[in-house]
Amino acid sequence: MSKFTSIVDEALTKTQQAQAGTQAAIAAAKAAEVAGKADPTKKPTSVQKKLLQGLKKATMAAGKKLATVAMQSNKPVGKVIEAEGDEFVPKQGPETGGEFEPTTPDSLA
């Protein structure tokens, strides 16, 4: 069992390290972009520019996909049938048992 858990831990740490490296590269590219706006001599490198462009494209694609999924969830499932004319039948209420007769003190005895 410990061999299995060590293999899983190793795979997870590799994935986490890769994600941390990517996040650090994105943070450095964003910092270089901000610094480049303030000081033209500190512009981002071409690799950082490509990384930022890819990030912007991925963000836009994710936003479009999310919008389409949200719109699809609003659509009714199956065929929608609407009642026309005489097809509408109101729901029947409970049985009342006839006309209302008020109670008098004489009828209670």
PDB file of N, CA and C in Angstrom:
ATOM      1  N   MET A   1       0.824  -1.195   0.000  1.00  0.00           N
ATOM      2  CA  MET A   1       0.000   0.000   0.000  1.00  0.00           C
ATOM      3  C   MET A   1       0.863   1.252   0.000  1.00  0.00           C
ATOM      4  N   SER A   2       1.969   1.218   0.702  1.00  0.00           N
ATOM      5  CA  SER A   2       2.804   2.413   0.769  1.00  0.00           C
ATOM      6  C   SER A   2       3.448   2.704  -0.593  1.00  0.00           C
ATOM      7  N   LYS A   3       3.696   1.657  -1.400  1.00  0.00           N
ATOM      8  CA  LYS A   3       4.255   1.877  -2.734  1.00  0.00           C
ATOM      9  C   LYS A   3       3.236   2.621  -3.596  1.00  0.00           C
ATOM     10  N   PHE A   4       1.986   2.215  -3.487  1.00  0.00           N
ATOM     11  CA  PHE A   4       0.920   2.875  -4.229  1.00  0.00           C
ATOM     12  C   PHE A   4       0.796   4.344  -3.824  1.00  0.00           C
ATOM     13  N   THR A   5       0.775   4.603  -2.529  1.00  0.00           N
ATOM     14  CA  THR A   5       0.631   5.992  -2.070  1.00  0.00           C
ATOM     15  C   THR A   5       1.842   6.829  -2.453  1.00  0.00           C
ATOM     16  N   SER A   6       3.018   6.226  -2.477  1.00  0.00           N
ATOM     17  CA  SER A   6       4.205   6.995  -2.872  1.00  0.00           C
ATOM     18  C   SER A   6       4.152   7.340  -4.355  1.00  0.00           C
ATOM     19  N   ILE A   7       3.626   6.448  -5.181  1.00  0.00           N
ATOM     20  CA  ILE A   7       3.486   6.743  -6.615  1.00  0.00           C
ATOM     21  C   ILE A   7       2.465   7.857  -6.825  1.00  0.00           C
ATOM     22  N   VAL A   8       1.377   7.803  -6.102  1.00  0.00           N
ATOM     23  CA  VAL A   8       0.346   8.850  -6.216  1.00  0.00           C
ATOM     24  C   VAL A   8       0.899  10.186  -5.743  1.00  0.00           C
ATOM     25  N   ASP A   9       1.594  10.193  -4.632  1.00  0.00           N
ATOM     26  CA  ASP A   9       2.190  11.432  -4.117  1.00  0.00           C
ATOM     27  C   ASP A   9       3.184  12.009  -5.106  1.00  0.00           C
ATOM     28  N   GLU A  10       3.978  11.156  -5.728  1.00  0.00           N
ATOM     29  CA  GLU A  10       4.970  11.620  -6.702  1.00  0.00           C
ATOM     30  C   GLU A  10       4.286  12.255  -7.910  1.00  0.00           C
ATOM     31  N   ALA A  11       3.226  11.627  -8.389  1.00  0.00           N
ATOM     32  CA  ALA A  11       2.491  12.176  -9.531  1.00  0.00           C
ATOM     33  C   ALA A  11       1.847  13.510  -9.173  1.00  0.00           C
ATOM     34  N   LEU A  12       1.290  13.600  -7.982  1.00  0.00           N
ATOM     35  CA  LEU A  12       0.662  14.852  -7.559  1.00  0.00           C
ATOM     36  C   LEU A  12       1.677  15.974  -7.400  1.00  0.00           C
ATOM     37  N   THR A  13       2.838  15.680  -6.843  1.00  0.00           N
ATOM     38  CA  THR A  13       3.847  16.731  -6.666  1.00  0.00           C
ATOM     39  C   THR A  13       4.368  17.215  -8.003  1.00  0.00           C
ATOM     40  N   LYS A  14       4.506  16.304  -8.989  1.00  0.00           N
ATOM     41  CA  LYS A  14       4.941  16.735 -10.325  1.00  0.00           C
ATOM     42  C   LYS A  14       3.916  17.664 -10.954  1.00  0.00           C
ATOM     43  N   THR A  15       2.654  17.326 -10.812  1.00  0.00           N
ATOM     44  CA  THR A  15       1.584  18.164 -11.360  1.00  0.00           C
ATOM     45  C   THR A  15       1.550  19.517 -10.659  1.00  0.00           C
ATOM     46  N   GLN A  16       1.686  19.526  -9.354  1.00  0.00           N
ATOM     47  CA  GLN A  16       1.670  20.777  -8.597  1.00  0.00           C
ATOM     48  C   GLN A  16       2.872  21.644  -8.952  1.00  0.00           C
ATOM     49  N   GLN A  17       4.033  21.027  -9.157  1.00  0.00           N
ATOM     50  CA  GLN A  17       5.217  21.792  -9.530  1.00  0.00           C
ATOM     51  C   GLN A  17       5.045  22.407 -10.918  1.00  0.00           C
ATOM     52  N   ALA A  18       4.454  21.656 -11.848  1.00  0.00           N
ATOM     53  CA  ALA A  18       4.227  22.186 -13.190  1.00  0.00           C
ATOM     54  C   ALA A  18       3.259  23.363 -13.144  1.00  0.00           C
ATOM     55  N   GLN A  19       2.192  23.234 -12.344  1.00  0.00           N
ATOM     56  CA  GLN A  19       1.228  24.320 -12.219  1.00  0.00           C
ATOM     57  C   GLN A  19       1.857  25.539 -11.565  1.00  0.00           C
ATOM     58  N   ALA A  20       2.691  25.322 -10.566  1.00  0.00           N
ATOM     59  CA  ALA A  20       3.348  26.441  -9.886  1.00  0.00           C
ATOM     60  C   ALA A  20       4.294  27.156 -10.838  1.00  0.00           C
ATOM     61  N   GLY A  21       5.008  26.392 -11.680  1.00  0.00           N
ATOM     62  CA  GLY A  21       5.906  27.005 -12.666  1.00  0.00           C
ATOM     63  C   GLY A  21       5.151  27.835 -13.680  1.00  0.00           C
ATOM     64  N   THR A  22       4.019  27.329 -14.146  1.00  0.00           N
ATOM     65  CA  THR A  22       3.189  28.062 -15.106  1.00  0.00           C
ATOM     66  C   THR A  22       2.622  29.320 -14.470  1.00  0.00           C
ATOM     67  N   GLN A  23       2.143  29.211 -13.247  1.00  0.00           N
ATOM     68  CA  GLN A  23       1.594  30.376 -12.556  1.00  0.00           C
ATOM     69  C   GLN A  23       2.667  31.432 -12.317  1.00  0.00           C
ATOM     70  N   ALA A  24       3.881  31.000 -12.009  1.00  0.00           N
ATOM     71  CA  ALA A  24       4.977  31.951 -11.799  1.00  0.00           C
ATOM     72  C   ALA A  24       5.321  32.654 -13.110  1.00  0.00           C
ATOM     73  N   ALA A  25       5.326  31.914 -14.215  1.00  0.00           N
ATOM     74  CA  ALA A  25       5.627  32.516 -15.518  1.00  0.00           C
ATOM     75  C   ALA A  25       4.555  33.534 -15.899  1.00  0.00           C
ATOM     76  N   ILE A  26       3.299  33.211 -15.633  1.00  0.00           N
ATOM     77  CA  ILE A  26       2.205  34.144 -15.938  1.00  0.00           C
ATOM     78  C   ILE A  26       2.321  35.391 -15.070  1.00  0.00           C
ATOM     79  N   ALA A  27       2.630  35.218 -13.797  1.00  0.00           N
ATOM     80  CA  ALA A  27       2.784  36.370 -12.899  1.00  0.00           C
ATOM     81  C   ALA A  27       3.945  37.251 -13.342  1.00  0.00           C
ATOM     82  N   ALA A  28       5.046  36.650 -13.765  1.00  0.00           N
ATOM     83  CA  ALA A  28       6.197  37.435 -14.244  1.00  0.00           C
ATOM     84  C   ALA A  28       5.854  38.184 -15.520  1.00  0.00           C
ATOM     85  N   ALA A  29       5.098  37.547 -16.414  1.00  0.00           N
ATOM     86  CA  ALA A  29       4.711  38.210 -17.659  1.00  0.00           C
ATOM     87  C   ALA A  29       3.774  39.381 -17.387  1.00  0.00           C
ATOM     88  N   LYS A  30       2.828  39.190 -16.450  1.00  0.00           N
ATOM     89  CA  LYS A  30       1.924  40.289 -16.100  1.00  0.00           C
ATOM     90  C   LYS A  30       2.685  41.432 -15.450  1.00  0.00           C
ATOM     91  N   ALA A  31       3.645  41.108 -14.598  1.00  0.00           N
ATOM     92  CA  ALA A  31       4.453  42.151 -13.951  1.00  0.00           C
ATOM     93  C   ALA A  31       5.280  42.901 -14.985  1.00  0.00           C
ATOM     94  N   ALA A  32       5.824  42.195 -15.963  1.00  0.00           N
ATOM     95  CA  ALA A  32       6.608  42.850 -17.013  1.00  0.00           C
ATOM     96  C   ALA A  32       5.723  43.737 -17.880  1.00  0.00           C
ATOM     97  N   GLU A  33       4.486  43.298 -18.114  1.00  0.00           N
ATOM     98  CA  GLU A  33       3.560  44.103 -18.902  1.00  0.00           C
ATOM     99  C   GLU A  33       3.213  45.397 -18.163  1.00  0.00           C
ATOM    100  N   VAL A  34       2.960  45.301 -16.875  1.00  0.00           N
ATOM    101  CA  VAL A  34       2.646  46.483 -16.070  1.00  0.00           C
ATOM    102  C   VAL A  34       3.856  47.413 -16.003  1.00  0.00           C
ATOM    103  N   ALA A  35       5.033  46.828 -15.804  1.00  0.00           N
ATOM    104  CA  ALA A  35       6.255  47.643 -15.734  1.00  0.00           C
ATOM    105  C   ALA A  35       6.553  48.289 -17.074  1.00  0.00           C
ATOM    106  N   GLY A  36       6.229  47.595 -18.169  1.00  0.00           N
ATOM    107  CA  GLY A  36       6.453  48.146 -19.506  1.00  0.00           C
ATOM    108  C   GLY A  36       5.568  49.340 -19.805  1.00  0.00           C
ATOM    109  N   LYS A  37       4.391  49.367 -19.215  1.00  0.00           N
ATOM    110  CA  LYS A  37       3.502  50.514 -19.408  1.00  0.00           C
ATOM    111  C   LYS A  37       4.037  51.739 -18.676  1.00  0.00           C
ATOM    112  N   ALA A  38       4.631  51.521 -17.522  1.00  0.00           N
ATOM    113  CA  ALA A  38       5.158  52.632 -16.736  1.00  0.00           C
ATOM    114  C   ALA A  38       6.517  53.085 -17.265  1.00  0.00           C
ATOM    115  N   ASP A  39       7.377  52.140 -17.626  1.00  0.00           N
ATOM    116  CA  ASP A  39       8.727  52.451 -18.092  1.00  0.00           C
ATOM    117  C   ASP A  39       8.975  51.678 -19.389  1.00  0.00           C
ATOM    118  N   PRO A  40       9.100  52.365 -20.539  1.00  0.00           N
ATOM    119  CA  PRO A  40       9.251  51.681 -21.827  1.00  0.00           C
ATOM    120  C   PRO A  40      10.506  50.807 -21.923  1.00  0.00           C
ATOM    121  N   THR A  41      11.475  50.999 -21.076  1.00  0.00           N
ATOM    122  CA  THR A  41      12.692  50.182 -21.151  1.00  0.00           C
ATOM    123  C   THR A  41      12.495  48.802 -20.525  1.00  0.00           C
ATOM    124  N   LYS A  42      11.404  48.603 -19.757  1.00  0.00           N
ATOM    125  CA  LYS A  42      11.158  47.325 -19.079  1.00  0.00           C
ATOM    126  C   LYS A  42       9.998  46.577 -19.726  1.00  0.00           C
ATOM    127  N   LYS A  43      10.008  46.491 -21.059  1.00  0.00           N
ATOM    128  CA  LYS A  43       8.930  45.814 -21.771  1.00  0.00           C
ATOM    129  C   LYS A  43       9.062  44.301 -21.633  1.00  0.00           C
ATOM    130  N   PRO A  44       7.935  43.568 -21.742  1.00  0.00           N
ATOM    131  CA  PRO A  44       8.004  42.108 -21.662  1.00  0.00           C
ATOM    132  C   PRO A  44       8.714  41.505 -22.873  1.00  0.00           C
ATOM    133  N   THR A  45       9.320  40.360 -22.681  1.00  0.00           N
ATOM    134  CA  THR A  45      10.014  39.681 -23.777  1.00  0.00           C
ATOM    135  C   THR A  45       8.994  39.081 -24.734  1.00  0.00           C
ATOM    136  N   SER A  46       9.471  38.597 -25.879  1.00  0.00           N
ATOM    137  CA  SER A  46       8.556  38.029 -26.875  1.00  0.00           C
ATOM    138  C   SER A  46       7.878  36.764 -26.333  1.00  0.00           C
ATOM    139  N   VAL A  47       8.584  35.992 -25.530  1.00  0.00           N
ATOM    140  CA  VAL A  47       7.999  34.789 -24.931  1.00  0.00           C
ATOM    141  C   VAL A  47       6.891  35.180 -23.959  1.00  0.00           C
ATOM    142  N   GLN A  48       7.140  36.218 -23.175  1.00  0.00           N
ATOM    143  CA  GLN A  48       6.122  36.676 -22.236  1.00  0.00           C
ATOM    144  C   GLN A  48       4.911  37.246 -22.973  1.00  0.00           C
ATOM    145  N   LYS A  49       5.155  37.934 -24.102  1.00  0.00           N
ATOM    146  CA  LYS A  49       4.048  38.465 -24.887  1.00  0.00           C
ATOM    147  C   LYS A  49       3.178  37.331 -25.433  1.00  0.00           C
ATOM    148  N   LYS A  50       3.821  36.271 -25.948  1.00  0.00           N
ATOM    149  CA  LYS A  50       3.072  35.130 -26.470  1.00  0.00           C
ATOM    150  C   LYS A  50       2.278  34.448 -25.358  1.00  0.00           C
ATOM    151  N   LEU A  51       2.875  34.362 -24.184  1.00  0.00           N
ATOM    152  CA  LEU A  51       2.191  33.764 -23.043  1.00  0.00           C
ATOM    153  C   LEU A  51       0.956  34.579 -22.665  1.00  0.00           C
ATOM    154  N   LEU A  52       1.099  35.891 -22.653  1.00  0.00           N
ATOM    155  CA  LEU A  52      -0.042  36.755 -22.321  1.00  0.00           C
ATOM    156  C   LEU A  52      -1.128  36.678 -23.388  1.00  0.00           C
ATOM    157  N   GLN A  53      -0.737  36.615 -24.667  1.00  0.00           N
ATOM    158  CA  GLN A  53      -1.730  36.495 -25.736  1.00  0.00           C
ATOM    159  C   GLN A  53      -2.479  35.172 -25.631  1.00  0.00           C
ATOM    160  N   GLY A  54      -1.746  34.091 -25.353  1.00  0.00           N
ATOM    161  CA  GLY A  54      -2.399  32.791 -25.169  1.00  0.00           C
ATOM    162  C   GLY A  54      -3.349  32.797 -23.985  1.00  0.00           C
ATOM    163  N   LEU A  55      -2.941  33.474 -22.917  1.00  0.00           N
ATOM    164  CA  LEU A  55      -3.794  33.573 -21.729  1.00  0.00           C
ATOM    165  C   LEU A  55      -5.072  34.354 -22.040  1.00  0.00           C
ATOM    166  N   LYS A  56      -4.946  35.440 -22.804  1.00  0.00           N
ATOM    167  CA  LYS A  56      -6.124  36.235 -23.171  1.00  0.00           C
ATOM    168  C   LYS A  56      -7.066  35.433 -24.062  1.00  0.00           C
ATOM    169  N   LYS A  57      -6.502  34.683 -25.037  1.00  0.00           N
ATOM    170  CA  LYS A  57      -7.338  33.860 -25.914  1.00  0.00           C
ATOM    171  C   LYS A  57      -8.058  32.771 -25.118  1.00  0.00           C
ATOM    172  N   ALA A  58      -7.344  32.144 -24.206  1.00  0.00           N
ATOM    173  CA  ALA A  58      -7.947  31.082 -23.387  1.00  0.00           C
ATOM    174  C   ALA A  58      -9.053  31.643 -22.503  1.00  0.00           C
ATOM    175  N   THR A  59      -8.838  32.839 -21.971  1.00  0.00           N
ATOM    176  CA  THR A  59      -9.852  33.468 -21.126  1.00  0.00           C
ATOM    177  C   THR A  59     -11.101  33.804 -21.936  1.00  0.00           C
ATOM    178  N   MET A  60     -10.900  34.332 -23.151  1.00  0.00           N
ATOM    179  CA  MET A  60     -12.043  34.662 -24.001  1.00  0.00           C
ATOM    180  C   MET A  60     -12.794  33.401 -24.422  1.00  0.00           C
ATOM    181  N   ALA A  61     -12.075  32.333 -24.765  1.00  0.00           N
ATOM    182  CA  ALA A  61     -12.725  31.087 -25.173  1.00  0.00           C
ATOM    183  C   ALA A  61     -13.515  30.489 -24.013  1.00  0.00           C
ATOM    184  N   ALA A  62     -12.950  30.550 -22.816  1.00  0.00           N
ATOM    185  CA  ALA A  62     -13.658  30.025 -21.646  1.00  0.00           C
ATOM    186  C   ALA A  62     -14.915  30.846 -21.373  1.00  0.00           C
ATOM    187  N   GLY A  63     -14.837  32.156 -21.538  1.00  0.00           N
ATOM    188  CA  GLY A  63     -16.007  33.011 -21.338  1.00  0.00           C
ATOM    189  C   GLY A  63     -17.108  32.709 -22.344  1.00  0.00           C
ATOM    190  N   LYS A  64     -16.722  32.490 -23.624  1.00  0.00           N
ATOM    191  CA  LYS A  64     -17.720  32.160 -24.642  1.00  0.00           C
ATOM    192  C   LYS A  64     -18.360  30.812 -24.362  1.00  0.00           C
ATOM    193  N   LYS A  65     -17.563  29.839 -23.961  1.00  0.00           N
ATOM    194  CA  LYS A  65     -18.102  28.513 -23.668  1.00  0.00           C
ATOM    195  C   LYS A  65     -19.044  28.572 -22.473  1.00  0.00           C
ATOM    196  N   LEU A  66     -18.658  29.347 -21.458  1.00  0.00           N
ATOM    197  CA  LEU A  66     -19.516  29.495 -20.286  1.00  0.00           C
ATOM    198  C   LEU A  66     -20.840  30.155 -20.660  1.00  0.00           C
ATOM    199  N   ALA A  67     -20.791  31.143 -21.557  1.00  0.00           N
ATOM    200  CA  ALA A  67     -22.015  31.817 -21.985  1.00  0.00           C
ATOM    201  C   ALA A  67     -22.929  30.861 -22.741  1.00  0.00           C
ATOM    202  N   THR A  68     -22.364  30.014 -23.610  1.00  0.00           N
ATOM    203  CA  THR A  68     -23.203  29.078 -24.349  1.00  0.00           C
ATOM    204  C   THR A  68     -23.804  28.034 -23.416  1.00  0.00           C
ATOM    205  N   VAL A  69     -23.046  27.579 -22.442  1.00  0.00           N
ATOM    206  CA  VAL A  69     -23.573  26.607 -21.484  1.00  0.00           C
ATOM    207  C   VAL A  69     -24.695  27.234 -20.660  1.00  0.00           C
ATOM    208  N   ALA A  70     -24.520  28.493 -20.275  1.00  0.00           N
ATOM    209  CA  ALA A  70     -25.554  29.180 -19.498  1.00  0.00           C
ATOM    210  C   ALA A  70     -26.821  29.364 -20.330  1.00  0.00           C
ATOM    211  N   MET A  71     -26.673  29.662 -21.612  1.00  0.00           N
ATOM    212  CA  MET A  71     -27.842  29.845 -22.466  1.00  0.00           C
ATOM    213  C   MET A  71     -28.556  28.513 -22.710  1.00  0.00           C
ATOM    214  N   GLN A  72     -27.801  27.423 -22.828  1.00  0.00           N
ATOM    215  CA  GLN A  72     -28.414  26.120 -23.051  1.00  0.00           C
ATOM    216  C   GLN A  72     -29.191  25.663 -21.829  1.00  0.00           C
ATOM    217  N   SER A  73     -28.735  26.041 -20.656  1.00  0.00           N
ATOM    218  CA  SER A  73     -29.435  25.616 -19.448  1.00  0.00           C
ATOM    219  C   SER A  73     -30.777  26.324 -19.300  1.00  0.00           C
ATOM    220  N   ASN A  74     -30.979  27.432 -20.009  1.00  0.00           N
ATOM    221  CA  ASN A  74     -32.244  28.158 -19.928  1.00  0.00           C
ATOM    222  C   ASN A  74     -33.297  27.597 -20.879  1.00  0.00           C
ATOM    223  N   LYS A  75     -32.877  26.762 -21.853  1.00  0.00           N
ATOM    224  CA  LYS A  75     -33.815  26.228 -22.825  1.00  0.00           C
ATOM    225  C   LYS A  75     -34.586  25.068 -22.215  1.00  0.00           C
ATOM    226  N   PRO A  76     -35.884  24.955 -22.542  1.00  0.00           N
ATOM    227  CA  PRO A  76     -36.659  23.835 -22.015  1.00  0.00           C
ATOM    228  C   PRO A  76     -36.227  22.522 -22.671  1.00  0.00           C
ATOM    229  N   VAL A  77     -36.303  21.454 -21.922  1.00  0.00           N
ATOM    230  CA  VAL A  77     -35.924  20.151 -22.428  1.00  0.00           C
ATOM    231  C   VAL A  77     -37.150  19.478 -23.018  1.00  0.00           C
ATOM    232  N   GLY A  78     -37.014  18.912 -24.204  1.00  0.00           N
ATOM    233  CA  GLY A  78     -38.125  18.214 -24.839  1.00  0.00           C
ATOM    234  C   GLY A  78     -38.994  19.162 -25.640  1.00  0.00           C
ATOM    235  N   LYS A  79     -40.110  18.628 -26.101  1.00  0.00           N
ATOM    236  CA  LYS A  79     -41.037  19.406 -26.916  1.00  0.00           C
ATOM    237  C   LYS A  79     -41.996  20.181 -26.017  1.00  0.00           C
ATOM    238  N   VAL A  80     -42.159  21.463 -26.304  1.00  0.00           N
ATOM    239  CA  VAL A  80     -43.060  22.303 -25.526  1.00  0.00           C
ATOM    240  C   VAL A  80     -44.422  22.307 -26.216  1.00  0.00           C
ATOM    241  N   ILE A  81     -45.454  21.897 -25.477  1.00  0.00           N
ATOM    242  CA  ILE A  81     -46.804  21.860 -26.027  1.00  0.00           C
ATOM    243  C   ILE A  81     -47.634  22.911 -25.299  1.00  0.00           C
ATOM    244  N   GLU A  82     -48.292  23.743 -26.089  1.00  0.00           N
ATOM    245  CA  GLU A  82     -49.125  24.784 -25.505  1.00  0.00           C
ATOM    246  C   GLU A  82     -50.594  24.433 -25.732  1.00  0.00           C
ATOM    247  N   ALA A  83     -51.437  24.729 -24.769  1.00  0.00           N
ATOM    248  CA  ALA A  83     -52.863  24.464 -24.888  1.00  0.00           C
ATOM    249  C   ALA A  83     -53.489  25.487 -25.818  1.00  0.00           C
ATOM    250  N   GLU A  84     -54.397  24.981 -26.680  1.00  0.00           N
ATOM    251  CA  GLU A  84     -55.075  25.872 -27.614  1.00  0.00           C
ATOM    252  C   GLU A  84     -56.582  25.722 -27.455  1.00  0.00           C
ATOM    253  N   GLY A  85     -57.273  26.803 -27.376  1.00  0.00           N
ATOM    254  CA  GLY A  85     -58.730  26.819 -27.380  1.00  0.00           C
ATOM    255  C   GLY A  85     -59.377  25.933 -26.334  1.00  0.00           C
ATOM    256  N   ASP A  86     -60.105  24.880 -26.806  1.00  0.00           N
ATOM    257  CA  ASP A  86     -60.886  24.022 -25.918  1.00  0.00           C
ATOM    258  C   ASP A  86     -60.041  22.976 -25.206  1.00  0.00           C
ATOM    259  N   GLU A  87     -58.761  22.910 -25.501  1.00  0.00           N
ATOM    260  CA  GLU A  87     -57.916  21.905 -24.870  1.00  0.00           C
ATOM    261  C   GLU A  87     -57.658  22.213 -23.397  1.00  0.00           C
ATOM    262  N   PHE A  88     -57.834  23.468 -22.997  1.00  0.00           N
ATOM    263  CA  PHE A  88     -57.557  23.847 -21.616  1.00  0.00           C
ATOM    264  C   PHE A  88     -58.714  23.427 -20.723  1.00  0.00           C
ATOM    265  N   VAL A  89     -58.412  22.640 -19.705  1.00  0.00           N
ATOM    266  CA  VAL A  89     -59.420  22.206 -18.742  1.00  0.00           C
ATOM    267  C   VAL A  89     -58.943  22.634 -17.369  1.00  0.00           C
ATOM    268  N   PRO A  90     -59.738  23.475 -16.662  1.00  0.00           N
ATOM    269  CA  PRO A  90     -59.294  23.895 -15.340  1.00  0.00           C
ATOM    270  C   PRO A  90     -59.315  22.731 -14.354  1.00  0.00           C
ATOM    271  N   LYS A  91     -58.448  22.779 -13.386  1.00  0.00           N
ATOM    272  CA  LYS A  91     -58.346  21.735 -12.377  1.00  0.00           C
ATOM    273  C   LYS A  91     -59.581  21.780 -11.479  1.00  0.00           C
ATOM    274  N   GLN A  92     -60.134  20.612 -11.194  1.00  0.00           N
ATOM    275  CA  GLN A  92     -61.328  20.534 -10.361  1.00  0.00           C
ATOM    276  C   GLN A  92     -60.944  20.670  -8.892  1.00  0.00           C
ATOM    277  N   GLY A  93     -61.731  21.418  -8.155  1.00  0.00           N
ATOM    278  CA  GLY A  93     -61.501  21.604  -6.732  1.00  0.00           C
ATOM    279  C   GLY A  93     -62.080  20.450  -5.930  1.00  0.00           C
ATOM    280  N   PRO A  94     -61.957  20.507  -4.626  1.00  0.00           N
ATOM    281  CA  PRO A  94     -62.491  19.431  -3.786  1.00  0.00           C
ATOM    282  C   PRO A  94     -64.020  19.446  -3.773  1.00  0.00           C
ATOM    283  N   GLU A  95     -64.591  18.306  -3.488  1.00  0.00           N
ATOM    284  CA  GLU A  95     -66.054  18.186  -3.429  1.00  0.00           C
ATOM    285  C   GLU A  95     -66.553  18.894  -2.172  1.00  0.00           C
ATOM    286  N   THR A  96     -67.567  19.750  -2.330  1.00  0.00           N
ATOM    287  CA  THR A  96     -68.046  20.544  -1.193  1.00  0.00           C
ATOM    288  C   THR A  96     -69.234  19.907  -0.492  1.00  0.00           C
ATOM    289  N   GLY A  97     -69.979  19.049  -1.146  1.00  0.00           N
ATOM    290  CA  GLY A  97     -71.103  18.393  -0.475  1.00  0.00           C
ATOM    291  C   GLY A  97     -72.408  19.162  -0.574  1.00  0.00           C
ATOM    292  N   GLY A  98     -72.579  20.042  -1.486  1.00  0.00           N
ATOM    293  CA  GLY A  98     -73.862  20.704  -1.690  1.00  0.00           C
ATOM    294  C   GLY A  98     -73.850  22.159  -1.251  1.00  0.00           C
ATOM    295  N   GLU A  99     -75.060  22.662  -1.047  1.00  0.00           N
ATOM    296  CA  GLU A  99     -75.242  24.058  -0.676  1.00  0.00           C
ATOM    297  C   GLU A  99     -74.818  24.293   0.770  1.00  0.00           C
ATOM    298  N   PHE A 100     -74.427  25.533   1.052  1.00  0.00           N
ATOM    299  CA  PHE A 100     -74.017  25.912   2.397  1.00  0.00           C
ATOM    300  C   PHE A 100     -75.254  26.178   3.248  1.00  0.00           C
ATOM    301  N   GLU A 101     -75.274  25.566   4.415  1.00  0.00           N
ATOM    302  CA  GLU A 101     -76.374  25.796   5.356  1.00  0.00           C
ATOM    303  C   GLU A 101     -75.767  26.298   6.665  1.00  0.00           C
ATOM    304  N   PRO A 102     -76.085  27.526   7.065  1.00  0.00           N
ATOM    305  CA  PRO A 102     -75.514  28.044   8.305  1.00  0.00           C
ATOM    306  C   PRO A 102     -76.058  27.291   9.526  1.00  0.00           C
ATOM    307  N   THR A 103     -75.214  27.183  10.510  1.00  0.00           N
ATOM    308  CA  THR A 103     -75.586  26.467  11.729  1.00  0.00           C
ATOM    309  C   THR A 103     -76.273  27.423  12.698  1.00  0.00           C
ATOM    310  N   THR A 104     -77.342  26.965  13.305  1.00  0.00           N
ATOM    311  CA  THR A 104     -78.035  27.771  14.309  1.00  0.00           C
ATOM    312  C   THR A 104     -77.912  27.046  15.637  1.00  0.00           C
ATOM    313  N   PRO A 105     -78.061  27.769  16.747  1.00  0.00           N
ATOM    314  CA  PRO A 105     -77.975  27.099  18.046  1.00  0.00           C
ATOM    315  C   PRO A 105     -79.019  25.999  18.243  1.00  0.00           C
ATOM    316  N   ASP A 106     -80.181  26.121  17.590  1.00  0.00           N
ATOM    317  CA  ASP A 106     -81.232  25.104  17.722  1.00  0.00           C
ATOM    318  C   ASP A 106     -80.844  23.806  17.022  1.00  0.00           C
ATOM    319  N   SER A 107     -80.078  23.922  15.893  1.00  0.00           N
ATOM    320  CA  SER A 107     -79.742  22.723  15.141  1.00  0.00           C
ATOM    321  C   SER A 107     -78.602  21.925  15.789  1.00  0.00           C
ATOM    322  N   LEU A 108     -77.859  22.530  16.688  1.00  0.00           N
ATOM    323  CA  LEU A 108     -76.771  21.840  17.378  1.00  0.00           C
ATOM    324  C   LEU A 108     -77.271  20.898  18.451  1.00  0.00           C
ATOM    325  N   ALA A 109     -78.449  21.168  19.001  1.00  0.00           N
ATOM    326  CA  ALA A 109     -78.963  20.356  20.129  1.00  0.00           C
ATOM    327  C   ALA A 109     -79.574  19.062  19.703  1.00  0.00           C
TER     328      ALA A 109
END
